[in-house]
């Protein structure tokens, strides 16, 4: 951690009663940033909150957005393409950062501090709570190449138009095999 305060604890409740053999719905999500004493939470169908106050994704023009991403874990065939993807997205936004905690980055996207988050090589525990918080804040998450980020580890999340735009650019720059 090296003194960085953006680490988080994430907890999600998955409802497997209605699953189709893959993932059930995430019905409860909590992300806590202990060093900052900030708590994000969401309940399916009830909303999302930061420290008890409602959270909603604001509409922002793309050039005013700050995005966050996660570099691939291991250099592979996609590594150079990922660099091209970051460069292409960077031309249309304020900046792209990595704050070091995927679940915190999703929570920050839900409140509008970040305009969006994109990543690959994520684990379900990195994403589940944040995906629900994004959704309940009025945003969208999607997998650019598959059905569900919890299964694949690929994600684009933020306001619906931002998530769609990141997915479209990702499909152009990164091939999935």
C-alpha atoms as a PDB file:
ATOM      1  CA  UNK A   1       0.000   0.000   0.000  1.00  0.00           C
ATOM      2  CA  UNK A   2       2.961   2.307   0.554  1.00  0.00           C
ATOM      3  CA  UNK A   3       0.831   4.846   2.404  1.00  0.00           C
ATOM      4  CA  UNK A   4      -1.748   5.285  -0.354  1.00  0.00           C
ATOM      5  CA  UNK A   5      -5.177   5.837   1.240  1.00  0.00           C
ATOM      6  CA  UNK A   6      -7.271   4.464  -1.648  1.00  0.00           C
ATOM      7  CA  UNK A   7      -7.421   0.835  -0.578  1.00  0.00           C
ATOM      8  CA  UNK A   8     -10.851  -0.537   0.152  1.00  0.00           C
ATOM      9  CA  UNK A   9     -12.821  -3.402   1.604  1.00  0.00           C
ATOM     10  CA  UNK A  10     -15.645  -4.607  -0.637  1.00  0.00           C
ATOM     11  CA  UNK A  11     -18.528  -6.887   0.299  1.00  0.00           C
ATOM     12  CA  UNK A  12     -21.284  -8.045  -2.044  1.00  0.00           C
ATOM     13  CA  UNK A  13     -24.279 -10.314  -1.560  1.00  0.00           C
ATOM     14  CA  UNK A  14     -25.083 -12.517  -4.527  1.00  0.00           C
ATOM     15  CA  UNK A  15     -28.611 -13.952  -4.866  1.00  0.00           C
ATOM     16  CA  UNK A  16     -28.208 -17.360  -6.463  1.00  0.00           C
ATOM     17  CA  UNK A  17     -31.898 -18.287  -6.312  1.00  0.00           C
ATOM     18  CA  UNK A  18     -32.527 -16.867  -9.776  1.00  0.00           C
ATOM     19  CA  UNK A  19     -29.251 -17.683 -11.505  1.00  0.00           C
ATOM     20  CA  UNK A  20     -28.954 -19.514 -14.771  1.00  0.00           C
ATOM     21  CA  UNK A  21     -25.942 -21.580 -13.789  1.00  0.00           C
ATOM     22  CA  UNK A  22     -23.543 -18.638 -13.906  1.00  0.00           C
ATOM     23  CA  UNK A  23     -23.829 -15.630 -11.603  1.00  0.00           C
ATOM     24  CA  UNK A  24     -26.841 -14.601  -9.581  1.00  0.00           C
ATOM     25  CA  UNK A  25     -27.841 -10.994  -9.125  1.00  0.00           C
ATOM     26  CA  UNK A  26     -25.785  -8.833  -6.796  1.00  0.00           C
ATOM     27  CA  UNK A  27     -28.393  -7.476  -4.367  1.00  0.00           C
ATOM     28  CA  UNK A  28     -26.231  -5.684  -1.798  1.00  0.00           C
ATOM     29  CA  UNK A  29     -22.876  -3.954  -2.175  1.00  0.00           C
ATOM     30  CA  UNK A  30     -20.648  -2.171   0.318  1.00  0.00           C
ATOM     31  CA  UNK A  31     -17.266  -0.528  -0.311  1.00  0.00           C
ATOM     32  CA  UNK A  32     -15.392   0.972   2.621  1.00  0.00           C
ATOM     33  CA  UNK A  33     -12.233   3.067   2.325  1.00  0.00           C
ATOM     34  CA  UNK A  34     -10.832   2.831   5.888  1.00  0.00           C
ATOM     35  CA  UNK A  35      -8.078   5.447   5.605  1.00  0.00           C
ATOM     36  CA  UNK A  36     -10.581   8.005   4.323  1.00  0.00           C
ATOM     37  CA  UNK A  37     -13.495   6.738   6.452  1.00  0.00           C
ATOM     38  CA  UNK A  38     -15.774   6.737   3.399  1.00  0.00           C
ATOM     39  CA  UNK A  39     -18.553   4.182   2.947  1.00  0.00           C
ATOM     40  CA  UNK A  40     -20.345   3.527  -0.345  1.00  0.00           C
ATOM     41  CA  UNK A  41     -23.329   1.170  -0.361  1.00  0.00           C
ATOM     42  CA  UNK A  42     -26.206   0.053  -2.551  1.00  0.00           C
ATOM     43  CA  UNK A  43     -29.272  -2.154  -2.294  1.00  0.00           C
ATOM     44  CA  UNK A  44     -30.825  -3.492  -5.495  1.00  0.00           C
ATOM     45  CA  UNK A  45     -33.895  -1.440  -6.344  1.00  0.00           C
ATOM     46  CA  UNK A  46     -33.360   1.004  -3.456  1.00  0.00           C
ATOM     47  CA  UNK A  47     -30.438   3.206  -4.550  1.00  0.00           C
ATOM     48  CA  UNK A  48     -26.789   3.951  -3.822  1.00  0.00           C
ATOM     49  CA  UNK A  49     -25.230   6.067  -1.078  1.00  0.00           C
ATOM     50  CA  UNK A  50     -21.984   7.602   0.089  1.00  0.00           C
ATOM     51  CA  UNK A  51     -21.917   7.958   3.858  1.00  0.00           C
ATOM     52  CA  UNK A  52     -25.713   7.767   3.906  1.00  0.00           C
ATOM     53  CA  UNK A  53     -26.279  10.453   1.244  1.00  0.00           C
ATOM     54  CA  UNK A  54     -27.762   9.418  -2.134  1.00  0.00           C
ATOM     55  CA  UNK A  55     -25.311   9.016  -5.020  1.00  0.00           C
ATOM     56  CA  UNK A  56     -26.235   9.661  -8.667  1.00  0.00           C
ATOM     57  CA  UNK A  57     -24.012   9.662 -11.723  1.00  0.00           C
ATOM     58  CA  UNK A  58     -23.998  13.207 -13.097  1.00  0.00           C
ATOM     59  CA  UNK A  59     -24.066  14.014 -16.789  1.00  0.00           C
ATOM     60  CA  UNK A  60     -20.650  15.320 -17.858  1.00  0.00           C
ATOM     61  CA  UNK A  61     -19.276  16.211 -21.225  1.00  0.00           C
ATOM     62  CA  UNK A  62     -16.664  13.670 -22.260  1.00  0.00           C
ATOM     63  CA  UNK A  63     -13.806  16.175 -22.466  1.00  0.00           C
ATOM     64  CA  UNK A  64     -14.409  17.069 -18.785  1.00  0.00           C
ATOM     65  CA  UNK A  65     -14.238  13.480 -17.555  1.00  0.00           C
ATOM     66  CA  UNK A  66     -11.410  11.851 -15.637  1.00  0.00           C
ATOM     67  CA  UNK A  67     -11.305   8.106 -16.326  1.00  0.00           C
ATOM     68  CA  UNK A  68      -9.619   5.365 -14.383  1.00  0.00           C
ATOM     69  CA  UNK A  69      -8.347   2.018 -15.566  1.00  0.00           C
ATOM     70  CA  UNK A  70      -6.417  -1.032 -14.497  1.00  0.00           C
ATOM     71  CA  UNK A  71      -3.370  -2.218 -16.434  1.00  0.00           C
ATOM     72  CA  UNK A  72      -3.366  -5.893 -17.382  1.00  0.00           C
ATOM     73  CA  UNK A  73      -1.776  -8.080 -14.708  1.00  0.00           C
ATOM     74  CA  UNK A  74       0.731  -9.714 -17.018  1.00  0.00           C
ATOM     75  CA  UNK A  75       2.212  -8.536 -20.302  1.00  0.00           C
ATOM     76  CA  UNK A  76       0.651 -10.626 -23.073  1.00  0.00           C
ATOM     77  CA  UNK A  77      -0.687 -10.274 -26.591  1.00  0.00           C
ATOM     78  CA  UNK A  78      -3.103  -7.573 -25.417  1.00  0.00           C
ATOM     79  CA  UNK A  79      -0.546  -5.428 -23.599  1.00  0.00           C
ATOM     80  CA  UNK A  80       0.432  -3.219 -26.547  1.00  0.00           C
ATOM     81  CA  UNK A  81      -3.189  -2.963 -27.606  1.00  0.00           C
ATOM     82  CA  UNK A  82      -4.074  -1.819 -24.081  1.00  0.00           C
ATOM     83  CA  UNK A  83      -1.555   0.999 -24.422  1.00  0.00           C
ATOM     84  CA  UNK A  84      -3.155   2.029 -27.723  1.00  0.00           C
ATOM     85  CA  UNK A  85      -6.581   1.915 -26.071  1.00  0.00           C
ATOM     86  CA  UNK A  86      -5.466   4.200 -23.242  1.00  0.00           C
ATOM     87  CA  UNK A  87      -3.886   6.597 -25.743  1.00  0.00           C
ATOM     88  CA  UNK A  88      -7.015   6.728 -27.874  1.00  0.00           C
ATOM     89  CA  UNK A  89      -9.357   7.316 -24.933  1.00  0.00           C
ATOM     90  CA  UNK A  90      -6.995   9.935 -23.505  1.00  0.00           C
ATOM     91  CA  UNK A  91      -7.486  12.099 -26.605  1.00  0.00           C
ATOM     92  CA  UNK A  92     -11.124  12.688 -25.642  1.00  0.00           C
ATOM     93  CA  UNK A  93     -11.059  13.078 -21.832  1.00  0.00           C
ATOM     94  CA  UNK A  94      -9.327  15.249 -19.235  1.00  0.00           C
ATOM     95  CA  UNK A  95      -7.025  12.455 -18.062  1.00  0.00           C
ATOM     96  CA  UNK A  96      -6.795   8.753 -17.262  1.00  0.00           C
ATOM     97  CA  UNK A  97      -5.493   7.571 -13.909  1.00  0.00           C
ATOM     98  CA  UNK A  98      -5.181   4.426 -11.857  1.00  0.00           C
ATOM     99  CA  UNK A  99      -5.775   4.991  -8.159  1.00  0.00           C
ATOM    100  CA  UNK A 100      -5.007   1.407  -7.215  1.00  0.00           C
ATOM    101  CA  UNK A 101      -8.310  -0.034  -6.002  1.00  0.00           C
ATOM    102  CA  UNK A 102     -10.801  -1.239  -8.626  1.00  0.00           C
ATOM    103  CA  UNK A 103     -13.731  -1.288  -6.214  1.00  0.00           C
ATOM    104  CA  UNK A 104     -12.938   2.256  -5.033  1.00  0.00           C
ATOM    105  CA  UNK A 105     -12.627   3.388  -8.653  1.00  0.00           C
ATOM    106  CA  UNK A 106     -16.087   1.980  -9.409  1.00  0.00           C
ATOM    107  CA  UNK A 107     -17.505   3.775  -6.354  1.00  0.00           C
ATOM    108  CA  UNK A 108     -15.891   7.056  -7.421  1.00  0.00           C
ATOM    109  CA  UNK A 109     -17.392   6.593 -10.899  1.00  0.00           C
ATOM    110  CA  UNK A 110     -20.829   6.103  -9.313  1.00  0.00           C
ATOM    111  CA  UNK A 111     -20.649   9.505  -7.619  1.00  0.00           C
ATOM    112  CA  UNK A 112     -19.089  11.279 -10.606  1.00  0.00           C
ATOM    113  CA  UNK A 113     -15.620  11.907  -9.167  1.00  0.00           C
ATOM    114  CA  UNK A 114     -14.458   9.665 -11.998  1.00  0.00           C
ATOM    115  CA  UNK A 115     -16.247   9.683 -15.334  1.00  0.00           C
ATOM    116  CA  UNK A 116     -15.743   5.967 -15.826  1.00  0.00           C
ATOM    117  CA  UNK A 117     -13.646   2.887 -15.179  1.00  0.00           C
ATOM    118  CA  UNK A 118     -12.351   0.278 -17.620  1.00  0.00           C
ATOM    119  CA  UNK A 119     -10.289  -2.805 -16.916  1.00  0.00           C
ATOM    120  CA  UNK A 120      -9.466  -6.401 -17.651  1.00  0.00           C
ATOM    121  CA  UNK A 121      -8.061  -9.210 -15.497  1.00  0.00           C
ATOM    122  CA  UNK A 122     -10.397  -8.292 -12.636  1.00  0.00           C
ATOM    123  CA  UNK A 123     -11.619 -10.776 -10.050  1.00  0.00           C
ATOM    124  CA  UNK A 124     -15.286 -10.930  -8.962  1.00  0.00           C
ATOM    125  CA  UNK A 125     -14.423  -9.491  -5.546  1.00  0.00           C
ATOM    126  CA  UNK A 126     -12.907  -6.455  -7.297  1.00  0.00           C
ATOM    127  CA  UNK A 127     -16.129  -5.741  -9.185  1.00  0.00           C
ATOM    128  CA  UNK A 128     -19.333  -7.091  -7.636  1.00  0.00           C
ATOM    129  CA  UNK A 129     -20.107  -4.400  -5.041  1.00  0.00           C
ATOM    130  CA  UNK A 130     -19.016  -1.574  -7.361  1.00  0.00           C
ATOM    131  CA  UNK A 131     -21.117  -2.868 -10.236  1.00  0.00           C
ATOM    132  CA  UNK A 132     -24.251  -2.670  -8.084  1.00  0.00           C
ATOM    133  CA  UNK A 133     -23.331   0.787  -6.779  1.00  0.00           C
ATOM    134  CA  UNK A 134     -22.826   2.015 -10.375  1.00  0.00           C
ATOM    135  CA  UNK A 135     -26.137   0.492 -11.449  1.00  0.00           C
ATOM    136  CA  UNK A 136     -28.109   1.892  -8.515  1.00  0.00           C
ATOM    137  CA  UNK A 137     -26.549   5.338  -9.036  1.00  0.00           C
ATOM    138  CA  UNK A 138     -28.058   5.373 -12.536  1.00  0.00           C
ATOM    139  CA  UNK A 139     -25.025   4.227 -14.463  1.00  0.00           C
ATOM    140  CA  UNK A 140     -24.146   1.160 -16.469  1.00  0.00           C
ATOM    141  CA  UNK A 141     -21.524  -1.563 -16.496  1.00  0.00           C
ATOM    142  CA  UNK A 142     -20.842  -3.898 -19.353  1.00  0.00           C
ATOM    143  CA  UNK A 143     -18.431  -6.456 -20.603  1.00  0.00           C
ATOM    144  CA  UNK A 144     -16.961  -5.455 -23.979  1.00  0.00           C
ATOM    145  CA  UNK A 145     -16.567  -9.025 -25.231  1.00  0.00           C
ATOM    146  CA  UNK A 146     -18.763 -11.282 -23.107  1.00  0.00           C
ATOM    147  CA  UNK A 147     -21.882 -11.358 -20.976  1.00  0.00           C
ATOM    148  CA  UNK A 148     -20.741 -10.628 -17.468  1.00  0.00           C
ATOM    149  CA  UNK A 149     -17.635  -8.936 -16.036  1.00  0.00           C
ATOM    150  CA  UNK A 150     -17.816 -11.195 -12.982  1.00  0.00           C
ATOM    151  CA  UNK A 151     -17.095 -14.175 -15.240  1.00  0.00           C
ATOM    152  CA  UNK A 152     -14.607 -12.592 -17.653  1.00  0.00           C
ATOM    153  CA  UNK A 153     -12.844  -9.858 -15.667  1.00  0.00           C
ATOM    154  CA  UNK A 154     -13.378  -7.285 -18.464  1.00  0.00           C
ATOM    155  CA  UNK A 155     -15.439  -4.179 -17.615  1.00  0.00           C
ATOM    156  CA  UNK A 156     -16.445  -0.710 -18.797  1.00  0.00           C
ATOM    157  CA  UNK A 157     -18.506   1.250 -16.255  1.00  0.00           C
ATOM    158  CA  UNK A 158     -19.819   4.751 -15.663  1.00  0.00           C
ATOM    159  CA  UNK A 159     -22.628   6.814 -17.137  1.00  0.00           C
ATOM    160  CA  UNK A 160     -24.360   4.745 -19.837  1.00  0.00           C
ATOM    161  CA  UNK A 161     -23.014   6.798 -22.754  1.00  0.00           C
ATOM    162  CA  UNK A 162     -19.479   6.720 -21.301  1.00  0.00           C
ATOM    163  CA  UNK A 163     -19.575   2.941 -20.735  1.00  0.00           C
ATOM    164  CA  UNK A 164     -20.869   2.406 -24.291  1.00  0.00           C
ATOM    165  CA  UNK A 165     -18.158   4.679 -25.739  1.00  0.00           C
ATOM    166  CA  UNK A 166     -15.355   2.934 -23.799  1.00  0.00           C
ATOM    167  CA  UNK A 167     -16.690  -0.468 -24.926  1.00  0.00           C
ATOM    168  CA  UNK A 168     -16.818   0.609 -28.566  1.00  0.00           C
ATOM    169  CA  UNK A 169     -13.246   1.956 -28.501  1.00  0.00           C
ATOM    170  CA  UNK A 170     -12.049  -1.140 -26.639  1.00  0.00           C
ATOM    171  CA  UNK A 171     -13.569  -3.400 -29.291  1.00  0.00           C
ATOM    172  CA  UNK A 172     -11.710  -1.437 -31.972  1.00  0.00           C
ATOM    173  CA  UNK A 173      -8.322  -1.409 -30.232  1.00  0.00           C
ATOM    174  CA  UNK A 174      -8.179  -4.696 -28.302  1.00  0.00           C
ATOM    175  CA  UNK A 175      -9.003  -8.010 -29.901  1.00  0.00           C
ATOM    176  CA  UNK A 176     -10.246 -10.738 -27.624  1.00  0.00           C
ATOM    177  CA  UNK A 177      -9.408 -14.333 -28.423  1.00  0.00           C
END
